[in-house]
Structures are given as C-alpha cells and as structure tokens.
Amino acid sequence: MEPHENVKQSRKNLIINNFIGGVAWAVGATVGLAIIVTILGLILRNINLVPFVGNFVADIINFIIDKRPDLVR
C-alpha cells in the first residue's frame, strides 16, 4: 500500500492515532526535560555556585541595612 493511499482513514482511527502520538510526544518531552534538569543540577552542585549566590545576597542585604537602618524593625 502506498503512503498516499492511507489518507482516507476513519475519524476514530485518526483521533486515536493522533492522541497516542500526542501522549508519546508529551512523555518523551517530560523524560527529556527531567534528564536535562538532573544533569544541570548535578553540574551546578559540583561547581559550588550556591555559596557564591548566598554571599552576594547577604552583601546586598547588609548594604541596604547599613544605608537604611529604619527598614529593620
């Protein structure tokens, strides 16, 4: 059977095939994103970026408290 001969499918088969294809795409995208986020998390954990960000935020807070002590009650 040629590919162009398979165009006339019933609506039921068309909807089922598209639904299954959409579910498969969604599962693949979810698994792929989970793998990428996991790898990025491992990389960021190993380069110790969190203490740098924490110190940066602490410096900003201390600067604000030094300049405007009335903000702290």
N, C-alpha and C. Protein backbone atom coordinates (compact mmCIF):
# COMPACT_ATOMS: atom_id res chain seq x y z
N MET A 1 0.85 -1.18 0.00
CA MET A 1 0.00 0.00 0.00
C MET A 1 0.90 1.25 0.00
N GLU A 2 0.61 2.13 -0.89
CA GLU A 2 1.37 3.37 -1.00
C GLU A 2 0.97 4.32 0.14
N PRO A 3 1.88 5.21 0.56
CA PRO A 3 1.57 6.13 1.66
C PRO A 3 0.38 7.05 1.35
N HIS A 4 0.24 7.46 0.12
CA HIS A 4 -0.86 8.38 -0.21
C HIS A 4 -2.21 7.67 -0.25
N GLU A 5 -2.20 6.35 -0.29
CA GLU A 5 -3.46 5.61 -0.29
C GLU A 5 -4.04 5.48 1.12
N ASN A 6 -3.26 5.76 2.13
CA ASN A 6 -3.69 5.62 3.51
C ASN A 6 -4.31 6.91 4.04
N VAL A 7 -4.61 7.87 3.19
CA VAL A 7 -5.14 9.15 3.60
C VAL A 7 -6.57 9.02 4.11
N LYS A 8 -7.34 8.16 3.51
CA LYS A 8 -8.74 8.01 3.90
C LYS A 8 -8.88 7.04 5.07
N GLN A 9 -8.68 7.57 6.28
CA GLN A 9 -8.88 6.79 7.49
C GLN A 9 -10.19 7.23 8.12
N SER A 10 -10.72 6.38 8.94
CA SER A 10 -11.93 6.77 9.66
C SER A 10 -11.54 7.81 10.71
N ARG A 11 -12.51 8.61 11.11
CA ARG A 11 -12.25 9.65 12.12
C ARG A 11 -11.77 9.03 13.42
N LYS A 12 -12.36 7.91 13.77
CA LYS A 12 -11.99 7.23 15.02
C LYS A 12 -10.51 6.85 15.02
N ASN A 13 -10.06 6.22 13.92
CA ASN A 13 -8.65 5.84 13.82
C ASN A 13 -7.75 7.06 13.80
N LEU A 14 -8.16 8.12 13.12
CA LEU A 14 -7.36 9.34 13.05
C LEU A 14 -7.21 9.96 14.43
N ILE A 15 -8.30 10.05 15.18
CA ILE A 15 -8.26 10.63 16.53
C ILE A 15 -7.42 9.77 17.46
N ILE A 16 -7.60 8.45 17.39
CA ILE A 16 -6.82 7.56 18.27
C ILE A 16 -5.34 7.66 17.94
N ASN A 17 -4.98 7.64 16.67
CA ASN A 17 -3.57 7.73 16.29
C ASN A 17 -2.96 9.06 16.73
N ASN A 18 -3.69 10.16 16.54
CA ASN A 18 -3.16 11.46 16.95
C ASN A 18 -3.07 11.57 18.46
N PHE A 19 -4.03 10.99 19.19
CA PHE A 19 -3.98 11.02 20.64
C PHE A 19 -2.77 10.25 21.16
N ILE A 20 -2.57 9.05 20.63
CA ILE A 20 -1.42 8.24 21.06
C ILE A 20 -0.12 8.95 20.71
N GLY A 21 -0.07 9.56 19.54
CA GLY A 21 1.14 10.30 19.17
C GLY A 21 1.39 11.49 20.08
N GLY A 22 0.34 12.19 20.48
CA GLY A 22 0.48 13.32 21.39
C GLY A 22 0.93 12.89 22.77
N VAL A 23 0.39 11.79 23.26
CA VAL A 23 0.80 11.28 24.57
C VAL A 23 2.26 10.85 24.53
N ALA A 24 2.65 10.17 23.47
CA ALA A 24 4.05 9.74 23.34
C ALA A 24 4.98 10.95 23.28
N TRP A 25 4.59 11.98 22.57
CA TRP A 25 5.41 13.20 22.49
C TRP A 25 5.53 13.85 23.86
N ALA A 26 4.43 13.93 24.60
CA ALA A 26 4.45 14.55 25.92
C ALA A 26 5.32 13.76 26.89
N VAL A 27 5.22 12.44 26.86
CA VAL A 27 6.05 11.62 27.75
C VAL A 27 7.52 11.78 27.39
N GLY A 28 7.83 11.79 26.11
CA GLY A 28 9.22 11.98 25.69
C GLY A 28 9.77 13.33 26.09
N ALA A 29 8.96 14.37 25.95
CA ALA A 29 9.41 15.70 26.34
C ALA A 29 9.62 15.78 27.85
N THR A 30 8.74 15.15 28.63
CA THR A 30 8.87 15.17 30.08
C THR A 30 10.12 14.42 30.53
N VAL A 31 10.34 13.26 29.99
CA VAL A 31 11.53 12.48 30.36
C VAL A 31 12.80 13.22 29.94
N GLY A 32 12.80 13.78 28.74
CA GLY A 32 13.97 14.53 28.28
C GLY A 32 14.26 15.73 29.16
N LEU A 33 13.23 16.47 29.54
CA LEU A 33 13.42 17.63 30.40
C LEU A 33 13.92 17.21 31.77
N ALA A 34 13.40 16.11 32.30
CA ALA A 34 13.86 15.62 33.61
C ALA A 34 15.34 15.25 33.57
N ILE A 35 15.76 14.63 32.49
CA ILE A 35 17.17 14.27 32.35
C ILE A 35 18.05 15.52 32.27
N ILE A 36 17.62 16.50 31.49
CA ILE A 36 18.41 17.73 31.35
C ILE A 36 18.49 18.49 32.67
N VAL A 37 17.37 18.60 33.38
CA VAL A 37 17.36 19.32 34.67
C VAL A 37 18.23 18.58 35.68
N THR A 38 18.20 17.27 35.68
CA THR A 38 19.03 16.50 36.60
C THR A 38 20.50 16.72 36.32
N ILE A 39 20.88 16.68 35.07
CA ILE A 39 22.28 16.90 34.70
C ILE A 39 22.72 18.32 35.08
N LEU A 40 21.89 19.31 34.81
CA LEU A 40 22.24 20.68 35.19
C LEU A 40 22.34 20.83 36.70
N GLY A 41 21.45 20.18 37.44
CA GLY A 41 21.52 20.22 38.90
C GLY A 41 22.81 19.61 39.42
N LEU A 42 23.23 18.50 38.85
CA LEU A 42 24.48 17.87 39.27
C LEU A 42 25.67 18.76 38.95
N ILE A 43 25.65 19.38 37.80
CA ILE A 43 26.75 20.27 37.42
C ILE A 43 26.81 21.48 38.36
N LEU A 44 25.67 22.10 38.62
CA LEU A 44 25.65 23.27 39.49
C LEU A 44 26.03 22.90 40.92
N ARG A 45 25.65 21.72 41.36
CA ARG A 45 26.01 21.30 42.71
C ARG A 45 27.52 21.10 42.84
N ASN A 46 28.14 20.64 41.78
CA ASN A 46 29.57 20.36 41.84
C ASN A 46 30.44 21.60 41.67
N ILE A 47 29.91 22.68 41.12
CA ILE A 47 30.74 23.88 40.97
C ILE A 47 30.55 24.85 42.12
N ASN A 48 29.75 24.48 43.13
CA ASN A 48 29.56 25.28 44.34
C ASN A 48 29.15 26.71 44.03
N LEU A 49 28.14 26.86 43.23
CA LEU A 49 27.64 28.19 42.87
C LEU A 49 26.74 28.75 43.96
N VAL A 50 26.11 27.91 44.75
CA VAL A 50 25.15 28.36 45.76
C VAL A 50 25.81 29.24 46.83
N PRO A 51 26.97 28.89 47.39
CA PRO A 51 27.58 29.78 48.38
C PRO A 51 27.91 31.16 47.80
N PHE A 52 28.31 31.20 46.55
CA PHE A 52 28.60 32.49 45.92
C PHE A 52 27.35 33.35 45.84
N VAL A 53 26.26 32.76 45.42
CA VAL A 53 25.00 33.50 45.32
C VAL A 53 24.52 33.91 46.71
N GLY A 54 24.65 33.02 47.70
CA GLY A 54 24.25 33.33 49.06
C GLY A 54 25.04 34.49 49.63
N ASN A 55 26.35 34.50 49.41
CA ASN A 55 27.19 35.60 49.89
C ASN A 55 26.83 36.90 49.18
N PHE A 56 26.53 36.82 47.90
CA PHE A 56 26.16 38.01 47.14
C PHE A 56 24.87 38.63 47.69
N VAL A 57 23.87 37.79 47.95
CA VAL A 57 22.60 38.28 48.50
C VAL A 57 22.82 38.84 49.90
N ALA A 58 23.64 38.18 50.71
CA ALA A 58 23.93 38.68 52.07
C ALA A 58 24.61 40.04 52.01
N ASP A 59 25.53 40.24 51.07
CA ASP A 59 26.18 41.54 50.92
C ASP A 59 25.18 42.63 50.54
N ILE A 60 24.24 42.30 49.67
CA ILE A 60 23.23 43.29 49.29
C ILE A 60 22.35 43.64 50.48
N ILE A 61 21.94 42.65 51.24
CA ILE A 61 21.10 42.91 52.42
C ILE A 61 21.85 43.75 53.44
N ASN A 62 23.12 43.42 53.69
CA ASN A 62 23.92 44.22 54.64
C ASN A 62 24.09 45.65 54.15
N PHE A 63 24.27 45.83 52.87
CA PHE A 63 24.41 47.19 52.32
C PHE A 63 23.12 47.99 52.54
N ILE A 64 21.99 47.37 52.29
CA ILE A 64 20.71 48.05 52.48
C ILE A 64 20.49 48.39 53.95
N ILE A 65 20.83 47.45 54.84
CA ILE A 65 20.66 47.71 56.28
C ILE A 65 21.58 48.83 56.74
N ASP A 66 22.81 48.88 56.21
CA ASP A 66 23.74 49.95 56.58
C ASP A 66 23.24 51.31 56.12
N LYS A 67 22.67 51.38 54.94
CA LYS A 67 22.23 52.66 54.38
C LYS A 67 20.88 53.10 54.92
N ARG A 68 19.98 52.13 55.22
CA ARG A 68 18.62 52.46 55.70
C ARG A 68 18.29 51.60 56.91
N PRO A 69 18.86 51.91 58.08
CA PRO A 69 18.57 51.10 59.26
C PRO A 69 17.10 51.17 59.72
N ASP A 70 16.38 52.20 59.24
CA ASP A 70 14.97 52.32 59.62
C ASP A 70 14.09 51.24 58.98
N LEU A 71 14.61 50.56 57.99
CA LEU A 71 13.82 49.49 57.36
C LEU A 71 13.72 48.26 58.25
N VAL A 72 14.69 48.10 59.17
CA VAL A 72 14.70 46.94 60.07
C VAL A 72 13.97 47.34 61.35
N ARG A 73 12.97 46.59 61.73
CA ARG A 73 12.23 46.92 62.97
C ARG A 73 12.48 45.90 64.01
